[in-house]
Amino acid sequence: MTMFTILGVLVFGLLLLGIGAVMKKRWLSIFSIVPIAIAVGQLAFLFLMGM
């Protein structure tokens, strides 16, 4: 994944989290954890590769 793709997935997850909170849809907020976790994991992996 490129850096822009990772950031796009992170923004998508945060948008889902925000929409789920505003619409009070618990399942949407729970589902948003998946792209956020993927993006954070990929960012950590890239950071560790750079060290």
PDB file of N, CA and C in Angstrom:
ATOM      1  N   MET A   1       0.838  -1.179   0.000  1.00  0.00           N
ATOM      2  CA  MET A   1       0.000   0.000   0.000  1.00  0.00           C
ATOM      3  C   MET A   1       0.886   1.246   0.000  1.00  0.00           C
ATOM      4  N   THR A   2       0.497   2.213  -0.791  1.00  0.00           N
ATOM      5  CA  THR A   2       1.235   3.472  -0.789  1.00  0.00           C
ATOM      6  C   THR A   2       0.766   4.335   0.380  1.00  0.00           C
ATOM      7  N   MET A   3       1.511   5.368   0.659  1.00  0.00           N
ATOM      8  CA  MET A   3       1.176   6.249   1.773  1.00  0.00           C
ATOM      9  C   MET A   3      -0.184   6.908   1.564  1.00  0.00           C
ATOM     10  N   PHE A   4      -0.480   7.315   0.322  1.00  0.00           N
ATOM     11  CA  PHE A   4      -1.759   7.962   0.045  1.00  0.00           C
ATOM     12  C   PHE A   4      -2.922   6.986   0.208  1.00  0.00           C
ATOM     13  N   THR A   5      -2.715   5.740  -0.158  1.00  0.00           N
ATOM     14  CA  THR A   5      -3.759   4.725   0.021  1.00  0.00           C
ATOM     15  C   THR A   5      -4.019   4.493   1.499  1.00  0.00           C
ATOM     16  N   ILE A   6      -2.952   4.425   2.278  1.00  0.00           N
ATOM     17  CA  ILE A   6      -3.090   4.218   3.721  1.00  0.00           C
ATOM     18  C   ILE A   6      -3.845   5.390   4.342  1.00  0.00           C
ATOM     19  N   LEU A   7      -3.489   6.603   3.965  1.00  0.00           N
ATOM     20  CA  LEU A   7      -4.180   7.775   4.493  1.00  0.00           C
ATOM     21  C   LEU A   7      -5.636   7.816   4.035  1.00  0.00           C
ATOM     22  N   GLY A   8      -5.896   7.383   2.805  1.00  0.00           N
ATOM     23  CA  GLY A   8      -7.270   7.320   2.311  1.00  0.00           C
ATOM     24  C   GLY A   8      -8.115   6.333   3.101  1.00  0.00           C
ATOM     25  N   VAL A   9      -7.553   5.177   3.409  1.00  0.00           N
ATOM     26  CA  VAL A   9      -8.263   4.184   4.204  1.00  0.00           C
ATOM     27  C   VAL A   9      -8.505   4.716   5.613  1.00  0.00           C
ATOM     28  N   LEU A  10      -7.531   5.418   6.170  1.00  0.00           N
ATOM     29  CA  LEU A  10      -7.686   5.998   7.501  1.00  0.00           C
ATOM     30  C   LEU A  10      -8.793   7.048   7.513  1.00  0.00           C
ATOM     31  N   VAL A  11      -8.814   7.915   6.518  1.00  0.00           N
ATOM     32  CA  VAL A  11      -9.860   8.938   6.418  1.00  0.00           C
ATOM     33  C   VAL A  11     -11.222   8.280   6.230  1.00  0.00           C
ATOM     34  N   PHE A  12     -11.289   7.239   5.412  1.00  0.00           N
ATOM     35  CA  PHE A  12     -12.543   6.517   5.199  1.00  0.00           C
ATOM     36  C   PHE A  12     -13.056   5.928   6.515  1.00  0.00           C
ATOM     37  N   GLY A  13     -12.175   5.330   7.287  1.00  0.00           N
ATOM     38  CA  GLY A  13     -12.569   4.763   8.571  1.00  0.00           C
ATOM     39  C   GLY A  13     -13.046   5.832   9.546  1.00  0.00           C
ATOM     40  N   LEU A  14     -12.355   6.964   9.559  1.00  0.00           N
ATOM     41  CA  LEU A  14     -12.770   8.048  10.442  1.00  0.00           C
ATOM     42  C   LEU A  14     -14.106   8.640  10.008  1.00  0.00           C
ATOM     43  N   LEU A  15     -14.336   8.721   8.706  1.00  0.00           N
ATOM     44  CA  LEU A  15     -15.643   9.178   8.215  1.00  0.00           C
ATOM     45  C   LEU A  15     -16.751   8.230   8.632  1.00  0.00           C
ATOM     46  N   LEU A  16     -16.514   6.916   8.484  1.00  0.00           N
ATOM     47  CA  LEU A  16     -17.509   5.945   8.919  1.00  0.00           C
ATOM     48  C   LEU A  16     -17.786   6.073  10.409  1.00  0.00           C
ATOM     49  N   LEU A  17     -16.732   6.277  11.180  1.00  0.00           N
ATOM     50  CA  LEU A  17     -16.894   6.437  12.629  1.00  0.00           C
ATOM     51  C   LEU A  17     -17.733   7.672  12.939  1.00  0.00           C
ATOM     52  N   GLY A  18     -17.452   8.769  12.258  1.00  0.00           N
ATOM     53  CA  GLY A  18     -18.216  10.000  12.477  1.00  0.00           C
ATOM     54  C   GLY A  18     -19.663   9.869  12.059  1.00  0.00           C
ATOM     55  N   ILE A  19     -19.904   9.268  10.908  1.00  0.00           N
ATOM     56  CA  ILE A  19     -21.272   9.079  10.434  1.00  0.00           C
ATOM     57  C   ILE A  19     -22.037   8.153  11.373  1.00  0.00           C
ATOM     58  N   GLY A  20     -21.377   7.093  11.821  1.00  0.00           N
ATOM     59  CA  GLY A  20     -22.022   6.165  12.756  1.00  0.00           C
ATOM     60  C   GLY A  20     -22.377   6.837  14.067  1.00  0.00           C
ATOM     61  N   ALA A  21     -21.517   7.744  14.530  1.00  0.00           N
ATOM     62  CA  ALA A  21     -21.797   8.445  15.781  1.00  0.00           C
ATOM     63  C   ALA A  21     -22.952   9.432  15.618  1.00  0.00           C
ATOM     64  N   VAL A  22     -22.975  10.148  14.490  1.00  0.00           N
ATOM     65  CA  VAL A  22     -24.027  11.134  14.260  1.00  0.00           C
ATOM     66  C   VAL A  22     -25.380  10.445  14.075  1.00  0.00           C
ATOM     67  N   MET A  23     -25.391   9.341  13.315  1.00  0.00           N
ATOM     68  CA  MET A  23     -26.641   8.633  13.044  1.00  0.00           C
ATOM     69  C   MET A  23     -27.003   7.644  14.156  1.00  0.00           C
ATOM     70  N   LYS A  24     -26.140   7.537  15.166  1.00  0.00           N
ATOM     71  CA  LYS A  24     -26.351   6.626  16.294  1.00  0.00           C
ATOM     72  C   LYS A  24     -26.537   5.181  15.823  1.00  0.00           C
ATOM     73  N   LYS A  25     -25.700   4.809  14.856  1.00  0.00           N
ATOM     74  CA  LYS A  25     -25.690   3.432  14.345  1.00  0.00           C
ATOM     75  C   LYS A  25     -24.467   2.735  14.920  1.00  0.00           C
ATOM     76  N   ARG A  26     -24.692   1.916  15.943  1.00  0.00           N
ATOM     77  CA  ARG A  26     -23.582   1.250  16.616  1.00  0.00           C
ATOM     78  C   ARG A  26     -22.845   0.310  15.673  1.00  0.00           C
ATOM     79  N   TRP A  27     -23.559  -0.389  14.772  1.00  0.00           N
ATOM     80  CA  TRP A  27     -22.907  -1.346  13.878  1.00  0.00           C
ATOM     81  C   TRP A  27     -21.967  -0.639  12.912  1.00  0.00           C
ATOM     82  N   LEU A  28     -22.311   0.581  12.505  1.00  0.00           N
ATOM     83  CA  LEU A  28     -21.446   1.329  11.590  1.00  0.00           C
ATOM     84  C   LEU A  28     -20.175   1.784  12.308  1.00  0.00           C
ATOM     85  N   SER A  29     -20.318   2.170  13.564  1.00  0.00           N
ATOM     86  CA  SER A  29     -19.143   2.560  14.342  1.00  0.00           C
ATOM     87  C   SER A  29     -18.225   1.367  14.573  1.00  0.00           C
ATOM     88  N   ILE A  30     -18.796   0.209  14.838  1.00  0.00           N
ATOM     89  CA  ILE A  30     -17.987  -0.998  15.031  1.00  0.00           C
ATOM     90  C   ILE A  30     -17.304  -1.393  13.728  1.00  0.00           C
ATOM     91  N   PHE A  31     -18.033  -1.297  12.608  1.00  0.00           N
ATOM     92  CA  PHE A  31     -17.476  -1.642  11.300  1.00  0.00           C
ATOM     93  C   PHE A  31     -16.332  -0.708  10.920  1.00  0.00           C
ATOM     94  N   SER A  32     -16.374   0.547  11.381  1.00  0.00           N
ATOM     95  CA  SER A  32     -15.343   1.518  11.019  1.00  0.00           C
ATOM     96  C   SER A  32     -14.000   1.191  11.657  1.00  0.00           C
ATOM     97  N   ILE A  33     -13.985   0.339  12.666  1.00  0.00           N
ATOM     98  CA  ILE A  33     -12.727  -0.022  13.317  1.00  0.00           C
ATOM     99  C   ILE A  33     -11.828  -0.801  12.355  1.00  0.00           C
ATOM    100  N   VAL A  34     -12.420  -1.548  11.426  1.00  0.00           N
ATOM    101  CA  VAL A  34     -11.633  -2.377  10.505  1.00  0.00           C
ATOM    102  C   VAL A  34     -10.696  -1.529   9.636  1.00  0.00           C
ATOM    103  N   PRO A  35     -11.194  -0.534   8.873  1.00  0.00           N
ATOM    104  CA  PRO A  35     -10.244   0.249   8.063  1.00  0.00           C
ATOM    105  C   PRO A  35      -9.268   1.067   8.909  1.00  0.00           C
ATOM    106  N   ILE A  36      -9.709   1.532  10.080  1.00  0.00           N
ATOM    107  CA  ILE A  36      -8.800   2.287  10.938  1.00  0.00           C
ATOM    108  C   ILE A  36      -7.664   1.384  11.415  1.00  0.00           C
ATOM    109  N   ALA A  37      -7.992   0.159  11.815  1.00  0.00           N
ATOM    110  CA  ALA A  37      -6.971  -0.777  12.288  1.00  0.00           C
ATOM    111  C   ALA A  37      -6.010  -1.156  11.165  1.00  0.00           C
ATOM    112  N   ILE A  38      -6.525  -1.346   9.961  1.00  0.00           N
ATOM    113  CA  ILE A  38      -5.666  -1.680   8.820  1.00  0.00           C
ATOM    114  C   ILE A  38      -4.698  -0.530   8.539  1.00  0.00           C
ATOM    115  N   ALA A  39      -5.219   0.695   8.520  1.00  0.00           N
ATOM    116  CA  ALA A  39      -4.377   1.854   8.218  1.00  0.00           C
ATOM    117  C   ALA A  39      -3.313   2.063   9.293  1.00  0.00           C
ATOM    118  N   VAL A  40      -3.697   1.949  10.556  1.00  0.00           N
ATOM    119  CA  VAL A  40      -2.723   2.135  11.638  1.00  0.00           C
ATOM    120  C   VAL A  40      -1.662   1.036  11.591  1.00  0.00           C
ATOM    121  N   GLY A  41      -2.082  -0.187  11.299  1.00  0.00           N
ATOM    122  CA  GLY A  41      -1.121  -1.288  11.190  1.00  0.00           C
ATOM    123  C   GLY A  41      -0.144  -1.077  10.052  1.00  0.00           C
ATOM    124  N   GLN A  42      -0.633  -0.612   8.923  1.00  0.00           N
ATOM    125  CA  GLN A  42       0.243  -0.360   7.782  1.00  0.00           C
ATOM    126  C   GLN A  42       1.200   0.806   8.060  1.00  0.00           C
ATOM    127  N   LEU A  43       0.701   1.851   8.726  1.00  0.00           N
ATOM    128  CA  LEU A  43       1.578   2.971   9.085  1.00  0.00           C
ATOM    129  C   LEU A  43       2.670   2.514  10.046  1.00  0.00           C
ATOM    130  N   ALA A  44       2.319   1.685  11.015  1.00  0.00           N
ATOM    131  CA  ALA A  44       3.313   1.163  11.956  1.00  0.00           C
ATOM    132  C   ALA A  44       4.334   0.307  11.227  1.00  0.00           C
ATOM    133  N   PHE A  45       3.859  -0.515  10.285  1.00  0.00           N
ATOM    134  CA  PHE A  45       4.760  -1.367   9.515  1.00  0.00           C
ATOM    135  C   PHE A  45       5.743  -0.525   8.694  1.00  0.00           C
ATOM    136  N   LEU A  46       5.240   0.523   8.041  1.00  0.00           N
ATOM    137  CA  LEU A  46       6.118   1.403   7.264  1.00  0.00           C
ATOM    138  C   LEU A  46       7.120   2.111   8.165  1.00  0.00           C
ATOM    139  N   PHE A  47       6.666   2.547   9.336  1.00  0.00           N
ATOM    140  CA  PHE A  47       7.564   3.218  10.276  1.00  0.00           C
ATOM    141  C   PHE A  47       8.660   2.264  10.744  1.00  0.00           C
ATOM    142  N   LEU A  48       8.297   1.028  11.049  1.00  0.00           N
ATOM    143  CA  LEU A  48       9.282   0.067  11.525  1.00  0.00           C
ATOM    144  C   LEU A  48      10.259  -0.323  10.423  1.00  0.00           C
ATOM    145  N   MET A  49       9.792  -0.357   9.171  1.00  0.00           N
ATOM    146  CA  MET A  49      10.691  -0.674   8.056  1.00  0.00           C
ATOM    147  C   MET A  49      11.717   0.450   7.864  1.00  0.00           C
ATOM    148  N   GLY A  50      11.320   1.681   8.163  1.00  0.00           N
ATOM    149  CA  GLY A  50      12.222   2.810   7.978  1.00  0.00           C
ATOM    150  C   GLY A  50      13.278   2.917   9.046  1.00  0.00           C
ATOM    151  N   MET A  51      13.113   2.228  10.156  1.00  0.00           N
ATOM    152  CA  MET A  51      14.088   2.338  11.249  1.00  0.00           C
ATOM    153  C   MET A  51      15.277   1.442  11.017  1.00  0.00           C
TER     154      MET A  51
END
